[in-house]
Amino acid sequence: MKTKILSALGALAMMTTTANAQEQAMMDGKASYIEMTAAQNQTKAFAQFLSGAAPLVEETEPGTELWFALQAPEGKFAIFDVFVDEEARNAHFSGVVAGALNENADRLVKGGWDNGVVANINNSSVLSAKAPVDLYDATTATYIRLAAAPGQSQAMADLLTAAGKIVADTEPKTLFWVALQLDENNFAIFDVFADETGRAAHFAGQVAGLLKEQSSVLVEGGWDSGVVANVNNFDILAIK
């Protein structure tokens, strides 16, 4: 089985010899994902707040390359962003939008600022990406967190690092895709689509197929409990 995995990863690596400038720039990038729940009776207000934040990010955060405000059912929200470097990420969290969210968190967010926002920040480094295309056509996004099985962290990192070029070459309906490493054993994938047909094509694609094939070895919990159970789908409220 180990030989099979190494062979598959080697085949992927052969396909990653080139990347466009934006994809290459993202390889050194940082990212953050924050999942939040609206306070009681504040779902609409929270959605309006996040929808209005994108222009402020655009105007005041040159180091924030991408910023997504996301909404799911039952008052669930998230922010996902990509930064040019750690300094830009720090600037974001001391910026205008973060300050406004801090001021309004007790009203808008279940748990307030400390327990509802700060406690849910997941910082990561970019492993690979498909650079965004036609981004403002995007309506839906997916975030999947993956834990590497014991002893499989490097193999997981290798697979995800190789996967960005494959997505770029084979998934025109995936408008943006990025693989992330949170720490030694935890990883994530974030991607956006114009519609549900794009998402369906992605999950029927080469990278998803390889991950499914190798998940019993690479992913803690395997395919069903380690991948599918951790899929979080969102509508996109706003994009920078």
C-alpha atoms as a PDB file:
ATOM      1  CA  MET A   1       0.000   0.000   0.000  1.00  0.00           C
ATOM      2  CA  LYS A   2       2.830   2.417   0.847  1.00  0.00           C
ATOM      3  CA  THR A   3       4.415   1.749  -2.554  1.00  0.00           C
ATOM      4  CA  LYS A   4       1.097   2.449  -4.250  1.00  0.00           C
ATOM      5  CA  ILE A   5       0.738   5.773  -2.473  1.00  0.00           C
ATOM      6  CA  LEU A   6       4.277   6.847  -3.330  1.00  0.00           C
ATOM      7  CA  SER A   7       3.707   5.892  -6.956  1.00  0.00           C
ATOM      8  CA  ALA A   8       0.508   7.940  -7.132  1.00  0.00           C
ATOM      9  CA  LEU A   9       2.181  10.939  -5.511  1.00  0.00           C
ATOM     10  CA  GLY A  10       5.087  10.654  -7.916  1.00  0.00           C
ATOM     11  CA  ALA A  11       2.713  10.758 -10.861  1.00  0.00           C
ATOM     12  CA  LEU A  12       1.089  13.859  -9.453  1.00  0.00           C
ATOM     13  CA  ALA A  13       4.449  15.522  -8.862  1.00  0.00           C
ATOM     14  CA  MET A  14       5.345  15.071 -12.541  1.00  0.00           C
ATOM     15  CA  MET A  15       2.342  17.232 -13.386  1.00  0.00           C
ATOM     16  CA  THR A  16       3.319  20.183 -11.181  1.00  0.00           C
ATOM     17  CA  THR A  17       6.383  21.490 -12.965  1.00  0.00           C
ATOM     18  CA  THR A  18       4.762  24.808 -13.941  1.00  0.00           C
ATOM     19  CA  ALA A  19       2.477  27.301 -12.218  1.00  0.00           C
ATOM     20  CA  ASN A  20       1.351  30.771 -13.152  1.00  0.00           C
ATOM     21  CA  ALA A  21       2.674  33.775 -11.246  1.00  0.00           C
ATOM     22  CA  GLN A  22      -0.315  34.126  -8.927  1.00  0.00           C
ATOM     23  CA  GLU A  23      -0.313  30.438  -8.040  1.00  0.00           C
ATOM     24  CA  GLN A  24       3.423  30.594  -7.324  1.00  0.00           C
ATOM     25  CA  ALA A  25       3.009  33.711  -5.158  1.00  0.00           C
ATOM     26  CA  MET A  26       0.400  31.938  -3.070  1.00  0.00           C
ATOM     27  CA  MET A  27       2.787  29.099  -2.257  1.00  0.00           C
ATOM     28  CA  ASP A  28       4.366  31.319   0.406  1.00  0.00           C
ATOM     29  CA  GLY A  29       1.020  32.685   1.534  1.00  0.00           C
ATOM     30  CA  LYS A  30      -0.838  32.435   4.803  1.00  0.00           C
ATOM     31  CA  ALA A  31      -4.545  31.887   5.368  1.00  0.00           C
ATOM     32  CA  SER A  32      -7.176  32.072   8.092  1.00  0.00           C
ATOM     33  CA  TYR A  33     -10.575  30.473   8.531  1.00  0.00           C
ATOM     34  CA  ILE A  34     -12.987  31.619  11.231  1.00  0.00           C
ATOM     35  CA  GLU A  35     -16.296  29.844  11.751  1.00  0.00           C
ATOM     36  CA  MET A  36     -18.902  31.768  13.745  1.00  0.00           C
ATOM     37  CA  THR A  37     -22.552  31.478  14.782  1.00  0.00           C
ATOM     38  CA  ALA A  38     -24.895  34.425  14.847  1.00  0.00           C
ATOM     39  CA  ALA A  39     -26.312  35.470  18.196  1.00  0.00           C
ATOM     40  CA  GLN A  40     -30.017  34.855  18.724  1.00  0.00           C
ATOM     41  CA  ASN A  41     -32.153  36.845  16.262  1.00  0.00           C
ATOM     42  CA  GLN A  42     -29.035  38.376  14.672  1.00  0.00           C
ATOM     43  CA  THR A  43     -28.621  36.200  11.568  1.00  0.00           C
ATOM     44  CA  LYS A  44     -29.805  38.875   9.144  1.00  0.00           C
ATOM     45  CA  ALA A  45     -27.802  41.610  10.849  1.00  0.00           C
ATOM     46  CA  PHE A  46     -24.640  39.504  10.859  1.00  0.00           C
ATOM     47  CA  ALA A  47     -25.077  38.701   7.162  1.00  0.00           C
ATOM     48  CA  GLN A  48     -25.471  42.408   6.394  1.00  0.00           C
ATOM     49  CA  PHE A  49     -22.372  43.264   8.416  1.00  0.00           C
ATOM     50  CA  LEU A  50     -20.214  40.723   6.568  1.00  0.00           C
ATOM     51  CA  SER A  51     -21.637  41.651   3.173  1.00  0.00           C
ATOM     52  CA  GLY A  52     -20.639  45.261   3.765  1.00  0.00           C
ATOM     53  CA  ALA A  53     -17.108  44.462   4.921  1.00  0.00           C
ATOM     54  CA  ALA A  54     -15.556  43.480   1.579  1.00  0.00           C
ATOM     55  CA  PRO A  55     -15.097  47.073   0.294  1.00  0.00           C
ATOM     56  CA  LEU A  56     -13.323  47.997   3.539  1.00  0.00           C
ATOM     57  CA  VAL A  57     -10.941  45.075   3.148  1.00  0.00           C
ATOM     58  CA  GLU A  58     -10.303  46.153  -0.451  1.00  0.00           C
ATOM     59  CA  GLU A  59      -9.613  49.752   0.557  1.00  0.00           C
ATOM     60  CA  THR A  60      -7.513  49.199   3.681  1.00  0.00           C
ATOM     61  CA  GLU A  61      -5.746  45.808   3.426  1.00  0.00           C
ATOM     62  CA  PRO A  62      -3.380  45.572   0.450  1.00  0.00           C
ATOM     63  CA  GLY A  63      -1.774  42.452   1.902  1.00  0.00           C
ATOM     64  CA  THR A  64      -5.072  40.568   2.039  1.00  0.00           C
ATOM     65  CA  GLU A  65      -5.103  38.875  -1.360  1.00  0.00           C
ATOM     66  CA  LEU A  66      -8.498  37.204  -1.008  1.00  0.00           C
ATOM     67  CA  TRP A  67     -11.303  37.598   1.522  1.00  0.00           C
ATOM     68  CA  PHE A  68     -14.573  35.643   1.558  1.00  0.00           C
ATOM     69  CA  ALA A  69     -17.620  36.150   3.752  1.00  0.00           C
ATOM     70  CA  LEU A  70     -19.659  32.929   3.910  1.00  0.00           C
ATOM     71  CA  GLN A  71     -23.053  31.824   5.204  1.00  0.00           C
ATOM     72  CA  ALA A  72     -24.601  28.411   5.865  1.00  0.00           C
ATOM     73  CA  PRO A  73     -27.988  27.440   7.354  1.00  0.00           C
ATOM     74  CA  GLU A  74     -28.882  27.777  11.025  1.00  0.00           C
ATOM     75  CA  GLY A  75     -27.034  31.037  11.582  1.00  0.00           C
ATOM     76  CA  LYS A  76     -23.602  29.661  10.675  1.00  0.00           C
ATOM     77  CA  PHE A  77     -21.064  32.048   9.135  1.00  0.00           C
ATOM     78  CA  ALA A  78     -17.373  32.007   8.253  1.00  0.00           C
ATOM     79  CA  ILE A  79     -14.603  34.234   6.979  1.00  0.00           C
ATOM     80  CA  PHE A  80     -11.830  32.776   4.851  1.00  0.00           C
ATOM     81  CA  ASP A  81      -8.890  34.879   3.715  1.00  0.00           C
ATOM     82  CA  VAL A  82      -5.473  34.530   2.092  1.00  0.00           C
ATOM     83  CA  PHE A  83      -2.544  36.854   2.850  1.00  0.00           C
ATOM     84  CA  VAL A  84       0.751  37.520   1.131  1.00  0.00           C
ATOM     85  CA  ASP A  85       2.656  36.801   4.344  1.00  0.00           C
ATOM     86  CA  GLU A  86       2.443  36.681   8.137  1.00  0.00           C
ATOM     87  CA  GLU A  87       2.809  40.461   8.421  1.00  0.00           C
ATOM     88  CA  ALA A  88      -0.255  40.940   6.232  1.00  0.00           C
ATOM     89  CA  ARG A  89      -2.241  38.499   8.347  1.00  0.00           C
ATOM     90  CA  ASN A  90      -1.305  40.412  11.486  1.00  0.00           C
ATOM     91  CA  ALA A  91      -2.318  43.664   9.786  1.00  0.00           C
ATOM     92  CA  HIS A  92      -5.698  42.155   8.928  1.00  0.00           C
ATOM     93  CA  PHE A  93      -6.433  41.213  12.520  1.00  0.00           C
ATOM     94  CA  SER A  94      -5.584  44.735  13.657  1.00  0.00           C
ATOM     95  CA  GLY A  95      -7.450  46.323  10.747  1.00  0.00           C
ATOM     96  CA  VAL A  96     -10.697  48.200  10.259  1.00  0.00           C
ATOM     97  CA  VAL A  97     -12.952  45.191   9.653  1.00  0.00           C
ATOM     98  CA  ALA A  98     -11.572  43.196  12.593  1.00  0.00           C
ATOM     99  CA  GLY A  99     -11.989  46.259  14.775  1.00  0.00           C
ATOM    100  CA  ALA A 100     -15.598  46.713  13.700  1.00  0.00           C
ATOM    101  CA  LEU A 101     -16.342  43.036  14.319  1.00  0.00           C
ATOM    102  CA  ASN A 102     -14.754  43.316  17.758  1.00  0.00           C
ATOM    103  CA  GLU A 103     -16.975  46.289  18.580  1.00  0.00           C
ATOM    104  CA  ASN A 104     -20.130  44.498  17.431  1.00  0.00           C
ATOM    105  CA  ALA A 105     -19.335  40.927  18.439  1.00  0.00           C
ATOM    106  CA  ASP A 106     -21.283  40.950  21.700  1.00  0.00           C
ATOM    107  CA  ARG A 107     -24.392  41.820  19.704  1.00  0.00           C
ATOM    108  CA  LEU A 108     -23.841  39.803  16.523  1.00  0.00           C
ATOM    109  CA  VAL A 109     -21.859  36.691  17.460  1.00  0.00           C
ATOM    110  CA  LYS A 110     -22.789  33.866  19.786  1.00  0.00           C
ATOM    111  CA  GLY A 111     -20.061  33.814  22.425  1.00  0.00           C
ATOM    112  CA  GLY A 112     -18.935  37.357  21.697  1.00  0.00           C
ATOM    113  CA  TRP A 113     -15.439  38.309  20.571  1.00  0.00           C
ATOM    114  CA  ASP A 114     -13.304  36.006  22.711  1.00  0.00           C
ATOM    115  CA  ASN A 115     -15.376  32.826  22.636  1.00  0.00           C
ATOM    116  CA  GLY A 116     -17.254  33.317  19.363  1.00  0.00           C
ATOM    117  CA  VAL A 117     -14.524  34.770  17.154  1.00  0.00           C
ATOM    118  CA  VAL A 118     -10.977  34.525  18.546  1.00  0.00           C
ATOM    119  CA  ALA A 119     -11.435  30.973  19.844  1.00  0.00           C
ATOM    120  CA  ASN A 120     -12.435  29.852  16.329  1.00  0.00           C
ATOM    121  CA  ILE A 121      -9.519  31.293  14.359  1.00  0.00           C
ATOM    122  CA  ASN A 122      -7.699  28.612  12.369  1.00  0.00           C
ATOM    123  CA  ASN A 123      -4.456  29.900  10.863  1.00  0.00           C
ATOM    124  CA  SER A 124      -2.653  27.962   8.161  1.00  0.00           C
ATOM    125  CA  SER A 125       0.031  28.047   5.499  1.00  0.00           C
ATOM    126  CA  VAL A 126      -0.689  27.577   1.805  1.00  0.00           C
ATOM    127  CA  LEU A 127       0.588  24.318   0.297  1.00  0.00           C
ATOM    128  CA  SER A 128      -0.744  24.765  -3.236  1.00  0.00           C
ATOM    129  CA  ALA A 129      -3.457  26.593  -5.100  1.00  0.00           C
ATOM    130  CA  LYS A 130      -5.375  27.066  -8.298  1.00  0.00           C
ATOM    131  CA  ALA A 131      -5.287  30.822  -8.839  1.00  0.00           C
ATOM    132  CA  PRO A 132      -8.737  32.454  -8.872  1.00  0.00           C
ATOM    133  CA  VAL A 133     -10.550  32.834 -12.184  1.00  0.00           C
ATOM    134  CA  ASP A 134     -13.905  34.564 -12.790  1.00  0.00           C
ATOM    135  CA  LEU A 135     -14.088  34.899  -9.032  1.00  0.00           C
ATOM    136  CA  TYR A 136     -17.069  37.222  -8.965  1.00  0.00           C
ATOM    137  CA  ASP A 137     -19.158  34.552 -10.657  1.00  0.00           C
ATOM    138  CA  ALA A 138     -18.720  32.388  -7.548  1.00  0.00           C
ATOM    139  CA  THR A 139     -21.803  31.715  -5.442  1.00  0.00           C
ATOM    140  CA  THR A 140     -20.825  28.750  -3.279  1.00  0.00           C
ATOM    141  CA  ALA A 141     -17.771  27.520  -1.348  1.00  0.00           C
ATOM    142  CA  THR A 142     -16.548  24.461   0.535  1.00  0.00           C
ATOM    143  CA  TYR A 143     -14.150  24.114   3.461  1.00  0.00           C
ATOM    144  CA  ILE A 144     -12.914  20.655   4.476  1.00  0.00           C
ATOM    145  CA  ARG A 145     -10.644  19.993   7.418  1.00  0.00           C
ATOM    146  CA  LEU A 146      -8.519  16.827   7.279  1.00  0.00           C
ATOM    147  CA  ALA A 147      -6.466  15.158   9.996  1.00  0.00           C
ATOM    148  CA  ALA A 148      -3.581  13.003   8.803  1.00  0.00           C
ATOM    149  CA  ALA A 149      -3.549   9.426  10.044  1.00  0.00           C
ATOM    150  CA  PRO A 150      -0.625   8.559  12.367  1.00  0.00           C
ATOM    151  CA  GLY A 151       2.644   8.675  10.453  1.00  0.00           C
ATOM    152  CA  GLN A 152       1.012  10.044   7.283  1.00  0.00           C
ATOM    153  CA  SER A 153       1.474  13.810   7.682  1.00  0.00           C
ATOM    154  CA  GLN A 154       4.205  14.115   5.056  1.00  0.00           C
ATOM    155  CA  ALA A 155       2.331  11.938   2.582  1.00  0.00           C
ATOM    156  CA  MET A 156      -0.788  14.072   3.084  1.00  0.00           C
ATOM    157  CA  ALA A 157       1.223  17.264   2.591  1.00  0.00           C
ATOM    158  CA  ASP A 158       2.785  15.821  -0.563  1.00  0.00           C
ATOM    159  CA  LEU A 159      -0.576  14.877  -2.039  1.00  0.00           C
ATOM    160  CA  LEU A 160      -2.103  18.288  -1.345  1.00  0.00           C
ATOM    161  CA  THR A 161       0.973  20.129  -2.595  1.00  0.00           C
ATOM    162  CA  ALA A 162       0.792  18.265  -5.884  1.00  0.00           C
ATOM    163  CA  ALA A 163      -2.965  18.675  -6.231  1.00  0.00           C
ATOM    164  CA  GLY A 164      -3.182  22.395  -7.011  1.00  0.00           C
ATOM    165  CA  LYS A 165      -1.821  22.030 -10.542  1.00  0.00           C
ATOM    166  CA  ILE A 166      -4.139  19.097 -11.200  1.00  0.00           C
ATOM    167  CA  VAL A 167      -7.180  21.143 -10.204  1.00  0.00           C
ATOM    168  CA  ALA A 168      -5.964  24.037 -12.361  1.00  0.00           C
ATOM    169  CA  ASP A 169      -5.533  21.758 -15.381  1.00  0.00           C
ATOM    170  CA  THR A 170      -8.664  19.625 -15.068  1.00  0.00           C
ATOM    171  CA  GLU A 171     -11.388  21.588 -13.247  1.00  0.00           C
ATOM    172  CA  PRO A 172     -12.537  24.679 -15.168  1.00  0.00           C
ATOM    173  CA  LYS A 173     -15.629  24.972 -12.965  1.00  0.00           C
ATOM    174  CA  THR A 174     -13.541  25.198  -9.802  1.00  0.00           C
ATOM    175  CA  LEU A 175     -12.947  28.957  -9.707  1.00  0.00           C
ATOM    176  CA  PHE A 176     -10.472  28.856  -6.830  1.00  0.00           C
ATOM    177  CA  TRP A 177      -8.880  26.004  -4.867  1.00  0.00           C
ATOM    178  CA  VAL A 178      -6.302  26.085  -2.104  1.00  0.00           C
ATOM    179  CA  ALA A 179      -4.732  23.397   0.085  1.00  0.00           C
ATOM    180  CA  LEU A 180      -3.636  24.388   3.575  1.00  0.00           C
ATOM    181  CA  GLN A 181      -1.561  23.049   6.444  1.00  0.00           C
ATOM    182  CA  LEU A 182      -2.695  24.149   9.904  1.00  0.00           C
ATOM    183  CA  ASP A 183      -0.065  22.294  11.909  1.00  0.00           C
ATOM    184  CA  GLU A 184       1.967  19.102  11.649  1.00  0.00           C
ATOM    185  CA  ASN A 185      -1.061  16.804  11.455  1.00  0.00           C
ATOM    186  CA  ASN A 186      -4.000  18.975  10.362  1.00  0.00           C
ATOM    187  CA  PHE A 187      -4.828  20.161   6.863  1.00  0.00           C
ATOM    188  CA  ALA A 188      -7.701  21.789   4.991  1.00  0.00           C
ATOM    189  CA  ILE A 189      -9.033  22.462   1.515  1.00  0.00           C
ATOM    190  CA  PHE A 190     -11.006  25.552   0.530  1.00  0.00           C
ATOM    191  CA  ASP A 191     -12.588  25.967  -2.881  1.00  0.00           C
ATOM    192  CA  VAL A 192     -15.231  28.059  -4.618  1.00  0.00           C
ATOM    193  CA  PHE A 193     -17.588  27.354  -7.504  1.00  0.00           C
ATOM    194  CA  ALA A 194     -19.992  29.272  -9.702  1.00  0.00           C
ATOM    195  CA  ASP A 195     -22.776  26.819  -8.855  1.00  0.00           C
ATOM    196  CA  GLU A 196     -23.545  23.308  -7.652  1.00  0.00           C
ATOM    197  CA  THR A 197     -22.534  21.777 -10.984  1.00  0.00           C
ATOM    198  CA  GLY A 198     -19.005  23.025 -10.357  1.00  0.00           C
ATOM    199  CA  ARG A 199     -18.956  21.487  -6.901  1.00  0.00           C
ATOM    200  CA  ALA A 200     -20.274  18.178  -8.258  1.00  0.00           C
ATOM    201  CA  ALA A 201     -17.598  18.149 -10.970  1.00  0.00           C
ATOM    202  CA  HIS A 202     -14.914  18.823  -8.363  1.00  0.00           C
ATOM    203  CA  PHE A 203     -15.975  15.935  -6.142  1.00  0.00           C
ATOM    204  CA  ALA A 204     -16.031  13.682  -9.208  1.00  0.00           C
ATOM    205  CA  GLY A 205     -12.588  14.911 -10.297  1.00  0.00           C
ATOM    206  CA  GLN A 206      -9.078  13.495 -10.235  1.00  0.00           C
ATOM    207  CA  VAL A 207      -7.906  14.960  -6.935  1.00  0.00           C
ATOM    208  CA  ALA A 208     -11.045  13.946  -5.063  1.00  0.00           C
ATOM    209  CA  GLY A 209     -10.745  10.482  -6.601  1.00  0.00           C
ATOM    210  CA  LEU A 210      -7.159  10.085  -5.469  1.00  0.00           C
ATOM    211  CA  LEU A 211      -7.941  11.372  -1.993  1.00  0.00           C
ATOM    212  CA  LYS A 212     -10.836   8.932  -1.743  1.00  0.00           C
ATOM    213  CA  GLU A 213      -8.649   6.079  -2.962  1.00  0.00           C
ATOM    214  CA  GLN A 214      -5.897   6.818  -0.428  1.00  0.00           C
ATOM    215  CA  SER A 215      -8.048   8.079   2.451  1.00  0.00           C
ATOM    216  CA  SER A 216      -8.091   4.773   4.339  1.00  0.00           C
ATOM    217  CA  VAL A 217      -4.326   5.158   4.753  1.00  0.00           C
ATOM    218  CA  LEU A 218      -3.784   8.939   4.741  1.00  0.00           C
ATOM    219  CA  VAL A 219      -6.793  10.374   6.590  1.00  0.00           C
ATOM    220  CA  GLU A 220      -7.754   9.785  10.183  1.00  0.00           C
ATOM    221  CA  GLY A 221     -11.287   8.390  10.013  1.00  0.00           C
ATOM    222  CA  GLY A 222     -11.036   7.396   6.362  1.00  0.00           C
ATOM    223  CA  TRP A 223     -13.250   8.776   3.618  1.00  0.00           C
ATOM    224  CA  ASP A 224     -16.645   8.838   5.323  1.00  0.00           C
ATOM    225  CA  SER A 225     -15.674   9.982   8.825  1.00  0.00           C
ATOM    226  CA  GLY A 226     -12.473  11.832   7.997  1.00  0.00           C
ATOM    227  CA  VAL A 227     -13.424  13.626   4.771  1.00  0.00           C
ATOM    228  CA  VAL A 228     -17.151  13.607   3.979  1.00  0.00           C
ATOM    229  CA  ALA A 229     -18.179  14.279   7.583  1.00  0.00           C
ATOM    230  CA  ASN A 230     -15.970  17.395   7.605  1.00  0.00           C
ATOM    231  CA  VAL A 231     -17.329  19.003   4.438  1.00  0.00           C
ATOM    232  CA  ASN A 232     -18.759  22.452   5.181  1.00  0.00           C
ATOM    233  CA  ASN A 233     -20.707  24.068   2.319  1.00  0.00           C
ATOM    234  CA  PHE A 234     -21.451  27.791   2.264  1.00  0.00           C
ATOM    235  CA  ASP A 235     -23.145  30.455   0.191  1.00  0.00           C
ATOM    236  CA  ILE A 236     -20.830  33.358  -0.612  1.00  0.00           C
ATOM    237  CA  LEU A 237     -21.960  36.703   0.794  1.00  0.00           C
ATOM    238  CA  ALA A 238     -19.043  38.870  -0.341  1.00  0.00           C
ATOM    239  CA  ILE A 239     -15.559  38.632  -1.881  1.00  0.00           C
ATOM    240  CA  LYS A 240     -12.516  40.832  -1.967  1.00  0.00           C
END
